[in-house]
Protein backbone atom coordinates (compact mmCIF):
# COMPACT_ATOMS: atom_id res chain seq x y z
CA MET A 1 -28.05 7.55 2.43
CA GLU A 2 -27.70 7.42 6.22
CA ALA A 3 -23.90 7.36 5.90
CA ILE A 4 -23.79 11.02 4.89
CA ALA A 5 -26.74 12.32 6.90
CA ALA A 6 -24.35 14.32 9.09
CA CYS A 7 -22.83 16.19 6.13
CA TYR A 8 -23.34 19.95 6.35
CA GLN A 9 -21.74 20.81 3.01
CA CYS A 10 -18.56 22.41 4.38
CA GLY A 11 -16.53 21.24 1.37
CA THR A 12 -13.59 19.83 3.35
CA CYS A 13 -13.79 16.57 1.39
CA SER A 14 -13.61 18.41 -1.93
CA ALA A 15 -10.69 20.55 -0.77
CA THR A 16 -8.64 17.58 0.46
CA CYS A 17 -9.35 15.16 -2.42
CA PRO A 18 -6.23 14.55 -4.59
CA THR A 19 -8.30 13.80 -7.70
CA ALA A 20 -11.13 16.34 -7.33
CA HIS A 21 -9.80 18.22 -10.37
CA ALA A 22 -10.75 15.25 -12.58
CA MET A 23 -14.25 14.75 -11.18
CA ASP A 24 -17.31 16.01 -13.04
CA LEU A 25 -18.91 16.72 -9.64
CA SER A 26 -17.03 17.63 -6.49
CA PRO A 27 -17.59 15.24 -3.58
CA ARG A 28 -19.64 17.95 -1.89
CA ALA A 29 -21.88 18.33 -4.97
CA LEU A 30 -22.26 14.56 -5.17
CA TRP A 31 -23.39 14.33 -1.54
CA ARG A 32 -25.93 17.07 -2.22
CA LEU A 33 -27.45 14.99 -5.03
CA VAL A 34 -27.54 11.96 -2.75
CA GLU A 35 -29.30 13.96 -0.05
CA LEU A 36 -31.85 15.11 -2.62
CA GLY A 37 -32.44 11.52 -3.71
CA GLN A 38 -31.34 12.16 -7.31
CA PHE A 39 -29.66 8.79 -7.70
CA ASP A 40 -30.00 8.67 -11.48
CA GLU A 41 -27.76 11.72 -11.68
CA VAL A 42 -25.44 10.34 -9.00
CA LEU A 43 -24.80 7.11 -10.91
CA LYS A 44 -24.01 9.05 -14.11
CA SER A 45 -21.18 10.85 -12.36
CA ASN A 46 -17.54 9.81 -12.60
CA THR A 47 -16.80 11.12 -9.10
CA PHE A 48 -16.96 7.84 -7.20
CA TRP A 49 -14.86 6.13 -9.88
CA MET A 50 -12.16 8.80 -9.50
CA CYS A 51 -11.79 8.13 -5.77
CA THR A 52 -8.36 6.69 -4.88
CA ALA A 53 -9.70 5.43 -1.52
CA CYS A 54 -6.89 7.38 0.15
CA TYR A 55 -9.05 8.11 3.21
CA SER A 56 -7.89 11.72 3.35
CA CYS A 57 -11.44 13.07 3.20
CA THR A 58 -12.60 10.64 5.87
CA VAL A 59 -9.92 11.52 8.43
CA ARG A 60 -10.45 15.27 7.87
CA CYS A 61 -14.26 15.37 7.84
CA PRO A 62 -15.37 17.47 10.83
CA ARG A 63 -18.61 15.47 11.01
CA GLU A 64 -16.83 12.08 10.88
CA VAL A 65 -18.69 11.03 7.74
CA THR A 66 -17.20 7.82 6.29
CA ILE A 67 -16.83 9.40 2.87
CA THR A 68 -14.44 6.84 1.37
CA GLU A 69 -16.76 3.98 2.27
CA THR A 70 -19.69 5.90 0.83
CA MET A 71 -17.81 6.23 -2.48
CA ARG A 72 -17.30 2.47 -2.51
CA ARG A 73 -20.98 1.86 -1.80
CA LEU A 74 -21.88 4.02 -4.76
CA ARG A 75 -19.81 1.65 -6.89
CA GLU A 76 -21.88 -1.20 -5.46
CA ALA A 77 -25.03 0.73 -6.35
CA PHE A 78 -23.74 1.10 -9.91
CA PHE A 79 -23.44 -2.68 -10.21
CA ASN A 80 -26.95 -3.07 -8.89
CA GLU A 81 -28.49 -0.48 -11.19
CA GLU A 82 -26.47 -0.58 -14.41
CA THR A 83 -25.75 -3.29 -16.95
CA GLY A 84 -23.30 -1.36 -19.15
CA PRO A 85 -19.53 -1.80 -19.21
CA LEU A 86 -17.42 -0.61 -16.31
CA PRO A 87 -15.07 2.36 -16.80
CA GLY A 88 -11.72 1.65 -18.44
CA GLY A 89 -10.19 -1.72 -17.70
CA LEU A 90 -11.87 -2.30 -14.37
CA GLY A 91 -14.16 -5.00 -15.71
CA GLY A 92 -11.13 -6.84 -17.06
CA VAL A 93 -9.46 -6.79 -13.67
CA LEU A 94 -12.52 -8.30 -12.01
CA ASP A 95 -12.65 -10.96 -14.70
CA SER A 96 -8.94 -11.68 -14.17
CA VAL A 97 -9.36 -12.24 -10.46
CA ALA A 98 -12.31 -14.53 -11.11
CA ALA A 99 -10.44 -16.52 -13.78
CA THR A 100 -6.81 -16.59 -12.62
CA ARG A 101 -7.07 -15.47 -8.97
CA ASN A 102 -4.78 -12.49 -9.56
CA ILE A 103 -5.09 -8.99 -11.03
CA ALA A 104 -2.39 -9.55 -13.67
CA ASN A 105 -4.39 -12.19 -15.59
CA GLU A 106 -1.33 -14.45 -15.43
CA PRO A 107 -1.23 -18.16 -14.56
CA ASN A 108 -1.36 -18.18 -10.78
CA GLU A 109 1.24 -20.93 -10.47
CA GLY A 110 3.77 -18.30 -11.63
CA ARG A 111 3.56 -16.30 -8.41
CA LEU A 112 7.17 -17.10 -7.53
CA ILE A 113 8.64 -15.87 -10.83
CA TRP A 114 10.24 -12.94 -8.97
CA ALA A 115 12.59 -15.42 -7.26
CA ASP A 116 14.27 -16.47 -10.50
CA ASN A 117 16.91 -13.73 -10.23
CA LEU A 118 17.85 -14.36 -6.62
CA PRO A 119 21.54 -15.24 -6.18
CA GLU A 120 20.41 -18.42 -4.44
CA ARG A 121 16.86 -19.70 -4.22
CA PRO A 122 15.88 -19.96 -0.54
CA PRO A 123 14.58 -23.41 0.44
CA GLN A 124 11.80 -21.65 2.36
CA LEU A 125 10.10 -20.90 -0.96
CA GLU A 126 9.32 -24.60 -1.30
CA ARG A 127 8.12 -25.01 2.29
CA ARG A 128 4.52 -25.08 3.44
CA GLN A 129 5.07 -25.27 7.21
CA ALA A 130 6.61 -22.42 9.22
CA GLU A 131 6.16 -19.99 12.09
CA VAL A 132 5.68 -17.05 9.71
CA LEU A 133 3.74 -16.96 6.44
CA TYR A 134 4.85 -14.31 3.96
CA PHE A 135 1.80 -13.25 1.92
CA ILE A 136 3.30 -11.51 -1.11
CA GLY A 137 0.33 -10.02 -2.97
CA CYS A 138 -0.38 -9.71 -6.69
CA VAL A 139 1.68 -6.60 -7.42
CA GLY A 140 4.89 -7.82 -5.82
CA ALA A 141 4.51 -11.35 -7.17
CA LEU A 142 3.49 -10.64 -10.77
CA PHE A 143 4.57 -7.13 -11.80
CA PRO A 144 8.24 -6.96 -12.90
CA GLN A 145 8.68 -3.36 -11.71
CA THR A 146 8.25 -4.56 -8.12
CA TYR A 147 9.93 -7.98 -8.13
CA ALA A 148 12.74 -6.39 -6.10
CA VAL A 149 10.40 -6.03 -3.10
CA PRO A 150 9.80 -9.75 -2.36
CA ARG A 151 13.38 -10.51 -3.41
CA ALA A 152 14.72 -8.07 -0.82
CA PHE A 153 12.29 -9.16 1.88
CA VAL A 154 13.00 -12.90 1.72
CA GLN A 155 16.71 -12.15 1.93
CA ILE A 156 16.05 -9.97 4.99
CA LEU A 157 14.05 -12.82 6.56
CA GLY A 158 16.90 -15.18 5.79
CA ALA A 159 19.49 -12.85 7.31
CA ALA A 160 17.44 -12.66 10.51
CA GLY A 161 16.90 -16.41 10.67
CA VAL A 162 13.12 -16.14 10.47
CA ASP A 163 11.28 -19.43 10.01
CA TYR A 164 9.02 -18.53 7.10
CA ALA A 165 7.10 -20.03 4.20
CA VAL A 166 5.12 -18.78 1.20
CA LEU A 167 2.03 -20.15 -0.52
CA GLY A 168 3.22 -19.95 -4.13
CA GLY A 169 0.38 -20.76 -6.51
CA ASP A 170 -1.96 -21.42 -3.58
CA GLU A 171 -1.92 -17.70 -2.75
CA TRP A 172 -4.91 -15.93 -4.26
CA CYS A 173 -5.48 -12.21 -4.64
CA CYS A 174 -6.37 -10.84 -1.21
CA GLY A 175 -9.50 -9.39 -2.82
CA TYR A 176 -8.96 -5.72 -2.06
CA PRO A 177 -9.23 -4.63 -5.74
CA VAL A 178 -12.51 -6.53 -5.99
CA TYR A 179 -13.81 -5.00 -2.77
CA GLY A 180 -12.76 -1.51 -3.85
CA ALA A 181 -14.51 -1.90 -7.18
CA GLY A 182 -17.83 -2.45 -5.44
CA ARG A 183 -17.88 -6.26 -5.43
CA LYS A 184 -17.72 -6.91 -1.69
CA GLY A 185 -19.72 -10.10 -2.16
CA ARG A 186 -16.82 -11.72 -4.00
CA LEU A 187 -14.39 -11.08 -1.17
CA ALA A 188 -15.59 -13.90 1.11
CA GLU A 189 -14.52 -16.67 -1.29
CA LEU A 190 -11.01 -15.24 -1.59
CA ALA A 191 -10.80 -14.75 2.16
CA GLU A 192 -11.88 -18.29 3.00
CA HIS A 193 -9.38 -19.77 0.54
CA ASN A 194 -6.43 -17.76 1.80
CA VAL A 195 -7.28 -18.30 5.47
CA ALA A 196 -7.62 -22.05 4.92
CA HIS A 197 -4.17 -22.23 3.33
CA LEU A 198 -2.74 -20.08 6.11
CA ALA A 199 -4.07 -22.63 8.61
CA GLU A 200 -2.34 -25.46 6.72
CA THR A 201 1.06 -23.83 7.25
CA GLY A 202 0.67 -23.80 11.02
CA ALA A 203 1.98 -20.22 11.03
CA LYS A 204 1.39 -18.04 14.08
CA THR A 205 2.17 -14.82 12.19
CA LEU A 206 1.25 -13.55 8.74
CA VAL A 207 3.43 -10.80 7.27
CA THR A 208 2.99 -8.90 4.03
CA THR A 209 4.89 -6.18 2.19
CA CYS A 210 1.63 -4.91 0.67
CA PRO A 211 -0.39 -2.41 2.75
CA SER A 212 -3.57 -3.25 0.83
CA CYS A 213 -3.16 -6.94 1.69
CA TYR A 214 -2.38 -5.93 5.28
CA TYR A 215 -5.54 -3.83 5.53
CA THR A 216 -7.64 -6.57 3.93
CA TRP A 217 -6.39 -9.34 6.23
CA HIS A 218 -6.58 -7.12 9.28
CA HIS A 219 -9.91 -5.38 8.76
CA LEU A 220 -11.96 -6.87 5.90
CA TYR A 221 -11.50 -10.61 6.31
CA PRO A 222 -13.02 -10.68 9.84
CA GLU A 223 -15.92 -8.61 8.53
CA VAL A 224 -16.79 -10.82 5.56
CA MET A 225 -16.06 -14.15 7.31
CA GLY A 226 -17.74 -13.29 10.59
CA ARG A 227 -14.72 -14.39 12.63
CA GLU A 228 -11.21 -13.21 13.41
CA VAL A 229 -8.14 -14.46 11.56
CA PRO A 230 -6.46 -16.48 14.35
CA VAL A 231 -2.86 -15.26 13.83
CA GLN A 232 -0.86 -12.09 14.34
CA ILE A 233 -1.01 -9.97 11.18
CA MET A 234 1.97 -7.71 10.56
CA HIS A 235 3.25 -5.39 7.89
CA SER A 236 6.86 -5.92 6.87
CA THR A 237 7.91 -2.65 8.52
CA GLU A 238 6.50 -3.81 11.86
CA LEU A 239 8.35 -7.11 11.62
CA MET A 240 11.61 -5.46 10.54
CA ALA A 241 11.40 -2.89 13.34
CA GLY A 242 11.07 -5.76 15.82
CA LEU A 243 13.96 -7.73 14.31
CA ILE A 244 16.20 -4.66 14.44
CA ALA A 245 15.25 -3.95 18.06
CA GLU A 246 16.09 -7.57 18.95
CA GLY A 247 19.51 -7.25 17.30
CA ARG A 248 18.74 -9.90 14.68
CA LEU A 249 19.64 -7.64 11.76
CA LYS A 250 23.05 -5.99 11.45
CA LEU A 251 22.72 -2.78 9.46
CA GLY A 252 25.51 -1.03 7.60
CA PRO A 253 25.68 2.57 6.40
CA VAL A 254 23.67 3.90 3.48
CA GLU A 255 24.67 7.48 2.79
CA ASP A 256 21.67 9.15 1.18
CA VAL A 257 19.12 11.91 1.67
CA ILE A 258 15.73 10.26 1.84
CA THR A 259 12.11 11.12 2.46
CA TYR A 260 9.34 8.71 3.39
CA HIS A 261 5.99 8.43 1.65
CA ASP A 262 3.20 7.09 3.88
CA PRO A 263 1.04 4.58 1.95
CA CYS A 264 -2.64 5.37 2.46
CA ASP A 265 -3.63 1.80 3.34
CA LEU A 266 -0.80 1.53 5.88
CA GLY A 267 -0.97 5.03 7.36
CA ARG A 268 -4.38 6.69 7.40
CA LYS A 269 -6.35 3.44 7.10
CA SER A 270 -4.28 1.25 9.43
CA GLY A 271 -2.47 3.70 11.70
CA VAL A 272 1.07 2.40 11.03
CA TYR A 273 3.32 5.46 11.04
CA ASP A 274 6.06 4.76 13.57
CA ALA A 275 7.42 1.38 12.43
CA PRO A 276 8.70 2.54 9.01
CA ARG A 277 10.38 5.56 10.59
CA GLN A 278 11.92 3.40 13.32
CA VAL A 279 13.45 1.23 10.62
CA LEU A 280 14.79 4.23 8.72
CA ARG A 281 16.22 5.80 11.88
CA SER A 282 18.13 2.56 12.50
CA ILE A 283 20.12 2.74 9.27
CA PRO A 284 23.44 4.58 9.71
CA GLY A 285 24.27 7.33 7.24
CA LEU A 286 20.75 8.33 6.23
CA THR A 287 19.67 11.94 6.31
CA PHE A 288 15.89 11.81 6.71
CA VAL A 289 13.64 14.70 5.68
CA GLU A 290 9.85 14.91 5.76
CA MET A 291 7.85 16.32 2.89
CA ALA A 292 5.37 19.16 3.31
CA GLN A 293 2.57 16.61 3.68
CA TYR A 294 3.39 13.54 5.75
CA GLY A 295 1.87 11.15 8.25
CA PRO A 296 -1.92 11.57 8.52
CA ASN A 297 -1.67 14.52 6.12
CA SER A 298 0.35 12.64 3.51
CA LEU A 299 -0.60 13.14 -0.14
CA CYS A 300 -1.78 9.97 -1.91
CA CYS A 301 0.61 8.55 -4.53
CA GLY A 302 -2.30 8.28 -6.97
CA GLY A 303 -2.18 4.49 -7.28
CA GLY A 304 -5.09 3.45 -5.05
CA GLY A 305 -8.79 2.81 -5.50
CA ASP A 306 -8.29 0.84 -8.74
CA ILE A 307 -7.93 4.23 -10.47
CA ALA A 308 -5.00 3.04 -12.57
CA MET A 309 -7.35 0.67 -14.37
CA TYR A 310 -9.70 3.33 -15.73
CA ALA A 311 -8.08 6.75 -15.28
CA GLY A 312 -4.34 6.17 -15.24
CA GLU A 313 -3.57 9.71 -16.34
CA VAL A 314 -5.31 11.08 -13.25
CA GLY A 315 -3.28 8.90 -10.92
CA ALA A 316 -0.12 9.89 -12.78
CA ASP A 317 -0.92 13.56 -12.16
CA VAL A 318 -1.18 12.94 -8.42
CA ALA A 319 2.11 11.00 -8.46
CA GLN A 320 3.86 13.89 -10.17
CA ARG A 321 2.62 16.28 -7.50
CA ARG A 322 3.96 13.96 -4.81
CA MET A 323 7.36 13.76 -6.49
CA LEU A 324 7.53 17.54 -6.68
CA GLN A 325 7.00 17.58 -2.90
CA ALA A 326 9.94 15.18 -2.53
CA GLN A 327 12.01 17.46 -4.74
CA ALA A 328 11.08 20.48 -2.61
CA ALA A 329 12.29 18.57 0.47
CA GLN A 330 15.65 18.14 -1.34
CA ALA A 331 15.48 14.35 -1.11
CA LYS A 332 17.51 12.18 -3.44
CA THR A 333 15.41 9.08 -2.77
CA ILE A 334 11.75 8.65 -1.89
CA VAL A 335 11.11 5.53 0.16
CA SER A 336 7.72 3.93 0.65
CA ALA A 337 6.48 0.71 2.22
CA CYS A 338 4.14 -0.35 -0.58
CA GLN A 339 4.91 -2.06 -3.85
CA GLN A 340 2.12 -0.19 -5.64
CA CYS A 341 3.38 3.15 -4.30
CA LYS A 342 6.85 2.31 -5.62
CA ARG A 343 5.46 1.69 -9.13
CA THR A 344 3.34 4.83 -9.11
CA LEU A 345 5.99 7.13 -7.68
CA ALA A 346 8.65 5.87 -10.09
CA ASP A 347 6.32 6.65 -12.99
CA GLY A 348 5.58 10.05 -11.43
CA ALA A 349 9.29 10.84 -11.24
CA ARG A 350 9.73 10.14 -14.94
CA LYS A 351 6.73 12.19 -15.99
CA ALA A 352 7.64 15.09 -13.70
CA ARG A 353 11.26 14.86 -14.87
CA VAL A 354 12.42 14.69 -11.28
CA ARG A 355 15.77 13.04 -10.64
CA ILE A 356 14.67 11.18 -7.51
CA ARG A 357 14.62 7.41 -7.33
CA ALA A 358 11.75 5.51 -5.75
CA LEU A 359 12.52 2.57 -3.46
CA ASP A 360 10.60 0.27 -1.21
CA ILE A 361 11.84 0.22 2.36
CA THR A 362 12.72 -3.47 2.04
CA GLU A 363 15.20 -2.63 -0.72
CA LEU A 364 16.86 0.00 1.45
CA VAL A 365 17.11 -2.35 4.43
CA TRP A 366 18.59 -5.11 2.30
CA GLN A 367 21.14 -2.64 0.89
CA SER A 368 22.06 -1.72 4.47
CA ILE A 369 22.47 -5.39 5.44
CA GLN A 370 24.68 -6.03 2.42
CA ASN A 371 26.84 -3.04 3.32
CA ALA A 372 27.24 -4.43 6.84
CA GLN A 373 28.19 -7.84 5.47
CA SER A 374 30.78 -6.37 3.12
CA GLY A 375 32.28 -4.06 5.75
CA VAL A 376 31.28 -0.72 4.25
CA GLU A 377 32.17 2.08 6.65
CA LEU A 378 30.49 5.41 7.25
CA SER A 379 32.32 8.41 5.85
CA ALA A 380 33.50 10.91 8.45
CA ALA A 381 31.29 13.71 7.10
CA THR A 382 28.06 11.71 7.37
CA PRO A 383 25.92 11.59 10.55
CA THR A 384 25.63 8.20 12.23
CA LYS A 385 21.85 8.28 12.26
CA PRO A 386 19.23 10.00 10.10
CA LYS A 387 17.84 13.37 10.98
CA ALA A 388 14.13 14.15 10.84
CA SER A 389 13.33 17.60 9.54
CA LYS A 390 10.42 18.06 11.93
CA PRO A 391 8.72 16.23 14.81
CA THR A 392 5.85 13.92 14.01
CA GLN A 393 2.39 14.05 15.51
CA TRP A 394 2.23 10.34 16.28
CA GLY A 395 5.55 9.82 18.09
CA ALA A 396 8.72 11.68 18.91
CA ALA A 397 11.10 11.78 15.96
CA GLU A 398 14.79 11.70 16.67
CA ALA A 399 16.61 14.96 16.07
């Protein structure tokens, strides 16, 4: 394949891969078979199915080989060459998206079930016209472990006076799980549907709490549709950082020792590193520490690349390793900006027997807003702004 023609077998991809221990062939060995044209052997391997699409190998490759994309194309080749069942539950997920338009195989009209436990149901959830469209994503909308993410975010939007709407049952899966599984051809239908309903809202901005949805809207939809999405596309951390800078959110103290986990789709694949840290640095009372691997070098949580559907134990192993890094940093809470990361890291904490809670950044911000509203004051022994344990490579961290 031309995509890996520049590979000179240095092994960097194998060394940096978080799931290489579970692969029957290392990435380097797989590329060697591809170079030799032994595709029958390549397609028998589990290596490209074990890829979490974390992009770590791609950003570290000294020859700039697009390794992650090559792994995905091998999945496409599998579909073209094989007629047998897909590994694990991956086939079921593809069938679910085709049948119900979501990965949970639930009735799609139930996408607002997470709102049932809100103290008061925002009227914006029934609106279809607004300046901002909140695209929630399958995991936040339909998986109980992450209902708290959209609940927190809509309350943040309300506190800031943002004019927003949601699509409810008209929101379809963004298509990233389908794309990642090697079914890029199915992505265009999902993209066209979601973009058409976005247009009906009249929104000038689309915001999502899901990095995978963010990456898909930002990078994949223009590719498969052949045109740009004609609105500003933002991740929730980018929007919150702007609202805080404008003084539209009043934040109260949260006294905790936290570390931040960079989601792969938001960090390495989309380049959003500063906004989440700006938000965290704005919350009084936080002591902020970085883990041994952070930013572009962050370790994957183990929840990407559809791996949970066919090799959940492998993803769980990666999550445990990440939680041990949080423990080594002496954090009490690990914060991410991804609903899937929250699920995976929480499971990793249990399995690693680490007493660290996993939160999404929206939950932490909403807690801070509530503390401000109720008049919670900072204790005298707590610093008034978080401290970073080391400077970052992508922007100056506050000391």
